[in-house]
Protein backbone atom coordinates (compact mmCIF):
# COMPACT_ATOMS: atom_id res chain seq x y z
CA MET A 1 -47.04 134.78 129.98
CA THR A 2 -44.96 137.96 129.57
CA LEU A 3 -46.23 138.58 126.05
CA PHE A 4 -49.83 137.90 127.06
CA LEU A 5 -49.63 140.36 129.97
CA SER A 6 -47.96 142.96 127.74
CA LEU A 7 -50.68 142.62 125.10
CA LEU A 8 -53.59 142.34 127.54
CA PRO A 9 -54.42 146.09 127.38
CA ILE A 10 -54.65 145.80 123.59
CA TYR A 11 -56.91 142.76 123.85
CA LEU A 12 -59.27 144.48 126.29
CA LEU A 13 -59.22 148.00 124.83
CA GLY A 14 -59.45 146.50 121.36
CA ASN A 15 -63.12 145.84 122.10
CA LEU A 16 -63.78 149.55 121.61
CA HIS A 17 -62.14 149.45 118.21
CA CYS A 18 -63.83 146.23 117.12
CA ALA A 19 -67.27 147.43 118.16
CA GLY A 20 -66.87 150.82 116.56
CA MET A 21 -65.37 149.64 113.29
CA CYS A 22 -67.30 146.39 112.84
CA GLY A 23 -70.57 147.28 114.60
CA PRO A 24 -72.63 147.78 111.42
CA LEU A 25 -71.10 144.65 109.92
CA MET A 26 -72.03 142.63 113.01
CA VAL A 27 -75.65 143.66 112.57
CA LEU A 28 -75.59 141.76 109.27
CA VAL A 29 -73.79 138.81 110.84
CA GLY A 30 -76.36 138.76 113.65
CA ARG A 31 -79.15 138.19 111.13
CA ASN A 32 -77.50 134.98 109.93
CA PRO A 33 -78.96 131.91 111.68
CA TYR A 34 -75.48 130.35 111.72
CA ARG A 35 -73.78 133.42 113.22
CA SER A 36 -71.97 131.31 115.84
CA ALA A 37 -69.94 129.80 112.99
CA TYR A 38 -68.47 133.27 112.38
CA PHE A 39 -66.84 133.26 115.81
CA PHE A 40 -65.47 129.73 115.37
CA GLY A 41 -63.95 130.74 112.04
CA ARG A 42 -62.49 133.91 113.53
CA LEU A 43 -61.03 132.03 116.49
CA LEU A 44 -59.40 129.41 114.24
CA ALA A 45 -57.94 131.98 111.84
CA TYR A 46 -56.51 134.25 114.54
CA SER A 47 -54.99 131.30 116.42
CA LEU A 48 -53.36 129.98 113.24
CA ALA A 49 -52.13 133.47 112.33
CA GLY A 50 -50.45 133.84 115.71
CA LEU A 51 -48.88 130.39 115.32
CA ILE A 52 -47.63 131.11 111.80
CA ALA A 53 -46.24 134.52 112.81
CA ALA A 54 -44.29 132.93 115.66
CA GLU A 55 -43.05 130.10 113.42
CA MET A 56 -41.80 132.62 110.86
CA GLY A 57 -40.05 134.59 113.58
CA LEU A 58 -38.45 131.41 114.97
CA PHE A 59 -37.22 130.38 111.51
CA MET A 60 -35.67 133.77 110.87
CA PHE A 61 -34.04 133.87 114.30
CA GLN A 62 -32.45 130.45 113.80
CA ALA A 63 -31.37 131.13 110.22
CA LEU A 64 -29.78 134.50 110.97
CA GLU A 65 -28.70 134.07 114.58
CA LYS A 66 -25.05 134.88 113.83
CA VAL A 67 -25.85 138.38 112.54
CA HIS A 68 -27.81 139.36 115.68
CA PHE A 69 -31.08 139.04 113.75
CA ALA A 70 -33.19 138.71 116.90
CA ALA A 71 -31.84 141.94 118.31
CA LEU A 72 -32.14 143.80 115.01
CA LEU A 73 -35.68 142.51 114.47
CA SER A 74 -36.64 143.61 117.98
CA LEU A 75 -35.33 147.10 117.25
CA LEU A 76 -37.10 147.17 113.88
CA PHE A 77 -40.45 146.02 115.32
CA GLY A 78 -40.01 148.49 118.15
CA MET A 79 -39.62 151.37 115.70
CA VAL A 80 -42.55 150.18 113.55
CA LEU A 81 -44.84 149.79 116.57
CA ALA A 82 -43.73 153.16 117.92
CA GLY A 83 -44.73 154.67 114.56
CA ILE A 84 -48.14 152.96 114.75
CA ALA A 85 -48.57 154.23 118.32
CA LEU A 86 -47.77 157.81 117.33
CA LEU A 87 -50.14 157.69 114.35
CA THR A 88 -52.86 156.32 116.64
CA LEU A 89 -52.26 158.95 119.32
CA LEU A 90 -52.34 161.72 116.70
CA ARG A 91 -55.47 160.20 115.12
CA LEU A 92 -53.76 159.87 111.75
CA PRO A 93 -54.71 156.99 109.41
CA LEU A 94 -52.49 153.93 109.30
CA PRO A 95 -51.04 152.93 105.92
CA ARG A 96 -53.45 150.78 103.95
CA GLY A 97 -52.76 147.12 103.36
CA LEU A 98 -51.48 145.64 100.15
CA GLY A 99 -53.48 143.86 97.44
CA VAL A 100 -54.52 140.84 99.53
CA MET A 101 -56.13 143.07 102.15
CA ARG A 102 -57.95 145.16 99.56
CA TRP A 103 -59.16 141.96 97.91
CA ALA A 104 -60.34 140.62 101.28
CA SER A 105 -62.31 143.78 102.04
CA GLN A 106 -64.19 143.53 98.73
CA SER A 107 -64.63 139.76 98.53
CA LEU A 108 -65.66 138.65 102.01
CA GLY A 109 -68.91 140.63 102.24
CA PRO A 110 -71.03 138.39 99.96
CA LEU A 111 -70.33 135.38 102.21
CA ILE A 112 -72.58 136.84 104.93
CA SER A 113 -75.76 136.45 102.90
CA LYS A 114 -75.07 132.96 101.53
CA PRO A 115 -77.07 130.11 103.11
CA GLY A 116 -75.55 127.50 105.37
CA PRO A 117 -72.89 127.58 108.12
CA TYR A 118 -69.83 127.25 105.88
CA PRO A 119 -69.94 130.67 104.16
CA ILE A 120 -70.25 132.53 107.47
CA PHE A 121 -67.49 130.32 108.92
CA LEU A 122 -65.23 131.24 105.99
CA PHE A 123 -66.17 134.88 106.47
CA GLY A 124 -65.04 134.64 110.08
CA MET A 125 -61.73 133.13 108.99
CA GLY A 126 -61.27 135.74 106.30
CA THR A 127 -61.56 138.65 108.71
CA VAL A 128 -57.95 138.06 109.78
CA LEU A 129 -56.95 139.52 106.38
CA LEU A 130 -58.79 142.81 106.90
CA PRO A 131 -56.61 145.89 107.53
CA CYS A 132 -56.45 146.37 111.30
CA GLY A 133 -53.82 148.11 113.39
CA GLN A 134 -54.30 145.99 116.49
CA THR A 135 -53.92 142.67 114.66
CA LEU A 136 -50.71 144.03 113.10
CA VAL A 137 -49.39 144.85 116.57
CA VAL A 138 -50.32 141.45 118.05
CA PHE A 139 -49.00 139.30 115.21
CA SER A 140 -45.81 141.38 115.00
CA ALA A 141 -45.29 140.75 118.71
CA CYS A 142 -45.91 137.01 118.17
CA ALA A 143 -43.26 136.95 115.43
CA LEU A 144 -40.88 138.78 117.72
CA GLU A 145 -41.49 136.27 120.52
CA ALA A 146 -40.69 133.41 118.09
CA ARG A 147 -42.38 130.72 120.20
CA PRO A 148 -45.14 128.89 118.29
CA LEU A 149 -47.20 127.95 121.36
CA VAL A 150 -47.06 131.54 122.62
CA GLY A 151 -48.15 132.77 119.18
CA LEU A 152 -51.04 130.31 119.11
CA VAL A 153 -52.20 131.31 122.60
CA ASN A 154 -52.01 135.04 121.91
CA GLY A 155 -53.76 134.75 118.56
CA CYS A 156 -56.51 132.81 120.31
CA ALA A 157 -56.61 135.41 123.11
CA LEU A 158 -57.01 138.24 120.61
CA ALA A 159 -60.02 136.52 119.03
CA LEU A 160 -61.62 135.53 122.33
CA LEU A 161 -61.10 138.73 124.30
CA THR A 162 -62.40 140.99 121.53
CA SER A 163 -65.46 138.82 120.84
CA PRO A 164 -67.68 140.25 123.64
CA SER A 165 -67.85 143.63 121.92
CA LEU A 166 -68.73 142.02 118.60
CA ILE A 167 -71.50 140.00 120.20
CA ALA A 168 -72.90 143.10 121.91
CA ALA A 169 -72.51 145.13 118.72
CA MET A 170 -74.92 142.81 116.95
CA ALA A 171 -77.68 144.56 118.84
CA LEU A 172 -76.05 147.80 119.99
CA SER A 173 -73.83 148.91 117.13
CA ARG A 174 -74.81 152.59 117.26
CA GLY A 175 -74.15 152.92 120.96
CA PHE A 176 -70.73 151.31 120.74
CA VAL A 177 -69.54 153.80 118.14
CA ARG A 178 -69.62 156.46 120.87
CA LEU A 179 -67.19 154.44 123.00
CA LYS A 180 -64.42 155.13 120.49
CA THR A 181 -63.94 158.67 121.83
CA HIS A 182 -60.83 157.76 123.82
CA TYR A 183 -59.80 154.73 121.78
CA HIS A 184 -56.88 156.49 120.11
CA LEU A 185 -55.38 157.54 123.44
CA TRP A 186 -55.75 154.14 125.10
CA MET A 187 -54.72 152.00 122.15
CA GLY A 188 -51.87 154.32 121.22
CA GLY A 189 -50.53 154.18 124.76
CA ALA A 190 -50.75 150.39 124.92
CA THR A 191 -49.00 150.04 121.54
CA LEU A 192 -46.28 152.45 122.65
CA LEU A 193 -45.67 150.25 125.69
CA ILE A 194 -45.15 147.19 123.46
CA ALA A 195 -42.83 149.25 121.23
CA CYS A 196 -40.72 150.29 124.23
CA LEU A 197 -40.43 146.68 125.40
CA ALA A 198 -39.32 145.59 121.92
CA LEU A 199 -36.71 148.35 121.74
CA LEU A 200 -35.42 147.50 125.22
CA ARG A 201 -35.25 143.80 124.34
CA GLY A 202 -33.30 144.53 121.17
CA SER A 203 -30.92 146.80 123.05
CA ALA A 204 -30.40 144.12 125.72
CA ASP A 205 -29.72 141.44 123.09
CA MET A 206 -27.13 143.74 121.51
CA GLY A 207 -25.44 144.12 124.89
CA TRP A 208 -26.12 147.84 125.18
CA ILE A 209 -28.17 147.43 128.37
CA SER A 210 -28.89 144.62 130.81
CA HIS A 211 -31.87 142.28 130.59
CA PHE A 212 -34.54 142.87 133.22
CA SER A 213 -36.92 140.37 134.82
CA LEU A 214 -39.44 140.29 137.63
CA GLY A 215 -38.76 137.05 139.45
CA ARG A 216 -37.54 133.87 137.79
CA HIS A 217 -40.25 133.38 135.17
CA LEU A 218 -41.34 136.89 134.13
CA VAL A 219 -38.73 138.43 131.80
CA LEU A 220 -39.72 141.93 130.69
CA PHE A 221 -36.87 142.41 128.21
């Protein structure tokens, strides 16, 4: 629950980013008679990505527990996310993805125009590979949490809570581009909050500061 509440601003504000960046693309998806399959594919892929990220984090935590890996990883993710937040706030471009992301950007497009529900379903699944700052933040946080169920839930939440803007963008793509005016400020601030929580958690795990919780079940760091 703590991770979901921490990431909730990114899920909600991410609609501005999704609509602005993918609005023209969603116009093409909207013309496909099997467009609903796109959202099912996207939901499945994002849920699995959150699960896999958390599983990888859990494996690394267990394998390297004796060298304070969890604390060091928290500090590392905190610094990376802080860098992403600053780049977003300053409206500077994020580093481009590696070969798999470039391949995905060039190869997924033709699936939209192919007949039948399966190509558009695969296109929806493939969108998880596209370069996107907010997915990087969410899946990094899932890896840091290292709880598979939490990763699955938050990956699913990312797909579900950013879908309304994509649905609306099918018909209103031009109008949604204007909503991105304050996106950098809002998304940068939300990412910076996650970075601070990661840094505080890492510092607490190292014993530099005390852990802090609100009540018995809501641990902030």
